[in-house]
Amino acid sequence: MTLETIRVFLGWCSVMNFALLLLWFLSVVVAGDWIYRFHSKVFRLSVEEFHSAHYRMMGYFKLTVIILNVVPYLVLRIVF
């Protein structure tokens, strides 16, 4: 596997992960009430806890994508 292949792979991983993050955000915005009702049957969550948990997890996911995909991609773009 060449460095060019790894760079292309990391680039597409970044795009796909940010698309997944956007889909997650849109699903919470558009169908948030349905998702809350579905999860509240299993977990005891208030609406505020539900939104806080999703907001926090989206932040963790975005940070993970940046650290593990975007930064190595940018390093390979700069170096090679």
N, C-alpha and C. Protein backbone atom coordinates (compact mmCIF):
# COMPACT_ATOMS: atom_id res chain seq x y z
N MET A 1 0.85 -1.17 0.00
CA MET A 1 0.00 0.00 0.00
C MET A 1 0.90 1.24 0.00
N THR A 2 0.64 2.12 -0.93
CA THR A 2 1.45 3.32 -1.04
C THR A 2 0.88 4.43 -0.17
N LEU A 3 1.69 5.47 0.04
CA LEU A 3 1.22 6.62 0.82
C LEU A 3 0.09 7.34 0.10
N GLU A 4 0.11 7.34 -1.21
CA GLU A 4 -0.98 7.95 -1.99
C GLU A 4 -2.29 7.22 -1.73
N THR A 5 -2.25 5.90 -1.67
CA THR A 5 -3.45 5.11 -1.39
C THR A 5 -3.98 5.41 0.01
N ILE A 6 -3.09 5.53 0.96
CA ILE A 6 -3.50 5.83 2.34
C ILE A 6 -4.11 7.23 2.41
N ARG A 7 -3.51 8.17 1.69
CA ARG A 7 -4.03 9.54 1.68
C ARG A 7 -5.43 9.58 1.08
N VAL A 8 -5.64 8.90 -0.03
CA VAL A 8 -6.97 8.85 -0.65
C VAL A 8 -7.96 8.17 0.29
N PHE A 9 -7.53 7.09 0.93
CA PHE A 9 -8.39 6.37 1.86
C PHE A 9 -8.81 7.27 3.02
N LEU A 10 -7.86 8.00 3.61
CA LEU A 10 -8.19 8.89 4.72
C LEU A 10 -9.10 10.03 4.27
N GLY A 11 -8.90 10.51 3.06
CA GLY A 11 -9.77 11.56 2.55
C GLY A 11 -11.21 11.09 2.42
N TRP A 12 -11.39 9.91 1.84
CA TRP A 12 -12.76 9.37 1.70
C TRP A 12 -13.36 8.98 3.05
N CYS A 13 -12.54 8.50 3.96
CA CYS A 13 -13.05 8.21 5.32
C CYS A 13 -13.56 9.49 5.97
N SER A 14 -12.82 10.58 5.81
CA SER A 14 -13.24 11.86 6.38
C SER A 14 -14.57 12.30 5.78
N VAL A 15 -14.70 12.22 4.48
CA VAL A 15 -15.94 12.63 3.81
C VAL A 15 -17.11 11.77 4.29
N MET A 16 -16.91 10.47 4.33
CA MET A 16 -18.00 9.57 4.74
C MET A 16 -18.38 9.77 6.20
N ASN A 17 -17.39 9.99 7.07
CA ASN A 17 -17.69 10.20 8.48
C ASN A 17 -18.42 11.52 8.71
N PHE A 18 -18.04 12.57 7.99
CA PHE A 18 -18.76 13.84 8.14
C PHE A 18 -20.16 13.74 7.54
N ALA A 19 -20.34 12.94 6.50
CA ALA A 19 -21.68 12.69 5.96
C ALA A 19 -22.54 11.96 6.99
N LEU A 20 -21.94 10.99 7.67
CA LEU A 20 -22.66 10.28 8.73
C LEU A 20 -23.03 11.22 9.87
N LEU A 21 -22.12 12.11 10.22
CA LEU A 21 -22.40 13.10 11.26
C LEU A 21 -23.55 14.03 10.83
N LEU A 22 -23.55 14.44 9.59
CA LEU A 22 -24.63 15.28 9.07
C LEU A 22 -25.96 14.54 9.08
N LEU A 23 -25.95 13.27 8.69
CA LEU A 23 -27.16 12.46 8.73
C LEU A 23 -27.67 12.31 10.16
N TRP A 24 -26.77 12.09 11.10
CA TRP A 24 -27.14 11.99 12.51
C TRP A 24 -27.79 13.29 12.98
N PHE A 25 -27.15 14.41 12.66
CA PHE A 25 -27.69 15.71 13.06
C PHE A 25 -29.08 15.94 12.47
N LEU A 26 -29.22 15.68 11.18
CA LEU A 26 -30.51 15.90 10.52
C LEU A 26 -31.59 14.96 11.07
N SER A 27 -31.21 13.74 11.40
CA SER A 27 -32.21 12.82 11.95
C SER A 27 -32.68 13.28 13.32
N VAL A 28 -31.79 13.84 14.13
CA VAL A 28 -32.20 14.34 15.44
C VAL A 28 -33.06 15.59 15.28
N VAL A 29 -32.73 16.44 14.32
CA VAL A 29 -33.51 17.65 14.10
C VAL A 29 -34.89 17.32 13.53
N VAL A 30 -34.93 16.46 12.52
CA VAL A 30 -36.19 16.18 11.83
C VAL A 30 -37.06 15.20 12.61
N ALA A 31 -36.46 14.11 13.10
CA ALA A 31 -37.24 13.05 13.75
C ALA A 31 -36.86 12.91 15.23
N GLY A 32 -36.47 14.00 15.84
CA GLY A 32 -36.01 13.95 17.24
C GLY A 32 -37.06 13.45 18.21
N ASP A 33 -38.31 13.86 18.00
CA ASP A 33 -39.37 13.41 18.91
C ASP A 33 -39.59 11.90 18.81
N TRP A 34 -39.58 11.38 17.60
CA TRP A 34 -39.76 9.94 17.42
C TRP A 34 -38.58 9.17 18.03
N ILE A 35 -37.37 9.65 17.80
CA ILE A 35 -36.18 8.99 18.35
C ILE A 35 -36.22 9.05 19.88
N TYR A 36 -36.64 10.20 20.42
CA TYR A 36 -36.76 10.31 21.88
C TYR A 36 -37.78 9.33 22.43
N ARG A 37 -38.95 9.23 21.81
CA ARG A 37 -39.97 8.28 22.29
C ARG A 37 -39.46 6.85 22.21
N PHE A 38 -38.76 6.52 21.15
CA PHE A 38 -38.21 5.17 20.98
C PHE A 38 -37.20 4.85 22.09
N HIS A 39 -36.28 5.78 22.36
CA HIS A 39 -35.26 5.54 23.37
C HIS A 39 -35.79 5.65 24.79
N SER A 40 -36.80 6.48 24.98
CA SER A 40 -37.33 6.64 26.34
C SER A 40 -38.08 5.41 26.82
N LYS A 41 -38.43 4.51 25.90
CA LYS A 41 -39.05 3.25 26.33
C LYS A 41 -38.03 2.34 26.99
N VAL A 42 -36.78 2.49 26.61
CA VAL A 42 -35.72 1.64 27.15
C VAL A 42 -34.94 2.35 28.26
N PHE A 43 -34.63 3.62 28.04
CA PHE A 43 -33.83 4.39 28.99
C PHE A 43 -34.67 5.48 29.61
N ARG A 44 -34.42 5.77 30.86
CA ARG A 44 -35.11 6.87 31.52
C ARG A 44 -34.34 8.16 31.26
N LEU A 45 -34.79 8.90 30.27
CA LEU A 45 -34.15 10.15 29.90
C LEU A 45 -35.18 11.26 29.82
N SER A 46 -34.80 12.43 30.31
CA SER A 46 -35.64 13.60 30.04
C SER A 46 -35.27 14.11 28.65
N VAL A 47 -36.07 15.00 28.14
CA VAL A 47 -35.80 15.56 26.81
C VAL A 47 -34.47 16.30 26.83
N GLU A 48 -34.19 17.02 27.91
CA GLU A 48 -32.93 17.76 28.02
C GLU A 48 -31.73 16.81 28.04
N GLU A 49 -31.85 15.70 28.78
CA GLU A 49 -30.77 14.72 28.81
C GLU A 49 -30.57 14.07 27.45
N PHE A 50 -31.65 13.82 26.75
CA PHE A 50 -31.58 13.24 25.42
C PHE A 50 -30.81 14.15 24.47
N HIS A 51 -31.19 15.43 24.43
CA HIS A 51 -30.52 16.37 23.54
C HIS A 51 -29.07 16.60 23.97
N SER A 52 -28.84 16.66 25.25
CA SER A 52 -27.48 16.84 25.75
C SER A 52 -26.60 15.65 25.38
N ALA A 53 -27.12 14.45 25.52
CA ALA A 53 -26.35 13.25 25.17
C ALA A 53 -26.01 13.23 23.69
N HIS A 54 -26.98 13.55 22.84
CA HIS A 54 -26.72 13.55 21.40
C HIS A 54 -25.72 14.65 21.03
N TYR A 55 -25.87 15.82 21.60
CA TYR A 55 -24.95 16.92 21.31
C TYR A 55 -23.53 16.55 21.74
N ARG A 56 -23.39 15.97 22.93
CA ARG A 56 -22.08 15.56 23.44
C ARG A 56 -21.45 14.48 22.56
N MET A 57 -22.25 13.47 22.20
CA MET A 57 -21.71 12.37 21.39
C MET A 57 -21.36 12.84 19.97
N MET A 58 -22.12 13.77 19.42
CA MET A 58 -21.75 14.33 18.11
C MET A 58 -20.42 15.07 18.21
N GLY A 59 -20.20 15.76 19.31
CA GLY A 59 -18.92 16.45 19.51
C GLY A 59 -17.77 15.46 19.63
N TYR A 60 -17.96 14.40 20.39
CA TYR A 60 -16.93 13.36 20.51
C TYR A 60 -16.64 12.71 19.16
N PHE A 61 -17.69 12.43 18.41
CA PHE A 61 -17.53 11.80 17.10
C PHE A 61 -16.76 12.72 16.15
N LYS A 62 -17.13 14.00 16.14
CA LYS A 62 -16.46 14.97 15.27
C LYS A 62 -14.99 15.10 15.66
N LEU A 63 -14.71 15.18 16.94
CA LEU A 63 -13.33 15.27 17.40
C LEU A 63 -12.52 14.04 17.02
N THR A 64 -13.12 12.87 17.14
CA THR A 64 -12.46 11.62 16.77
C THR A 64 -12.17 11.58 15.27
N VAL A 65 -13.12 12.02 14.46
CA VAL A 65 -12.91 12.04 13.01
C VAL A 65 -11.78 13.00 12.66
N ILE A 66 -11.77 14.14 13.29
CA ILE A 66 -10.71 15.12 13.00
C ILE A 66 -9.35 14.57 13.39
N ILE A 67 -9.25 13.98 14.58
CA ILE A 67 -7.96 13.48 15.06
C ILE A 67 -7.49 12.27 14.26
N LEU A 68 -8.38 11.34 13.97
CA LEU A 68 -7.97 10.08 13.35
C LEU A 68 -8.02 10.08 11.82
N ASN A 69 -8.76 11.00 11.21
CA ASN A 69 -8.87 11.01 9.75
C ASN A 69 -8.33 12.28 9.12
N VAL A 70 -8.81 13.43 9.58
CA VAL A 70 -8.47 14.68 8.91
C VAL A 70 -7.02 15.07 9.13
N VAL A 71 -6.55 15.00 10.37
CA VAL A 71 -5.16 15.39 10.65
C VAL A 71 -4.16 14.50 9.91
N PRO A 72 -4.28 13.16 9.95
CA PRO A 72 -3.34 12.36 9.15
C PRO A 72 -3.44 12.65 7.65
N TYR A 73 -4.65 12.90 7.16
CA TYR A 73 -4.83 13.24 5.75
C TYR A 73 -4.07 14.53 5.42
N LEU A 74 -4.24 15.56 6.26
CA LEU A 74 -3.56 16.82 6.02
C LEU A 74 -2.05 16.68 6.11
N VAL A 75 -1.57 15.89 7.05
CA VAL A 75 -0.13 15.64 7.17
C VAL A 75 0.41 15.00 5.90
N LEU A 76 -0.30 14.01 5.39
CA LEU A 76 0.15 13.36 4.15
C LEU A 76 0.06 14.32 2.96
N ARG A 77 -0.93 15.22 2.95
CA ARG A 77 -1.01 16.22 1.87
C ARG A 77 0.16 17.19 1.94
N ILE A 78 0.55 17.59 3.15
CA ILE A 78 1.63 18.55 3.31
C ILE A 78 2.99 17.93 3.02
N VAL A 79 3.20 16.73 3.55
CA VAL A 79 4.51 16.08 3.44
C VAL A 79 4.74 15.54 2.04
N PHE A 80 3.71 14.92 1.44
CA PHE A 80 3.90 14.28 0.14
C PHE A 80 3.09 14.97 -0.91
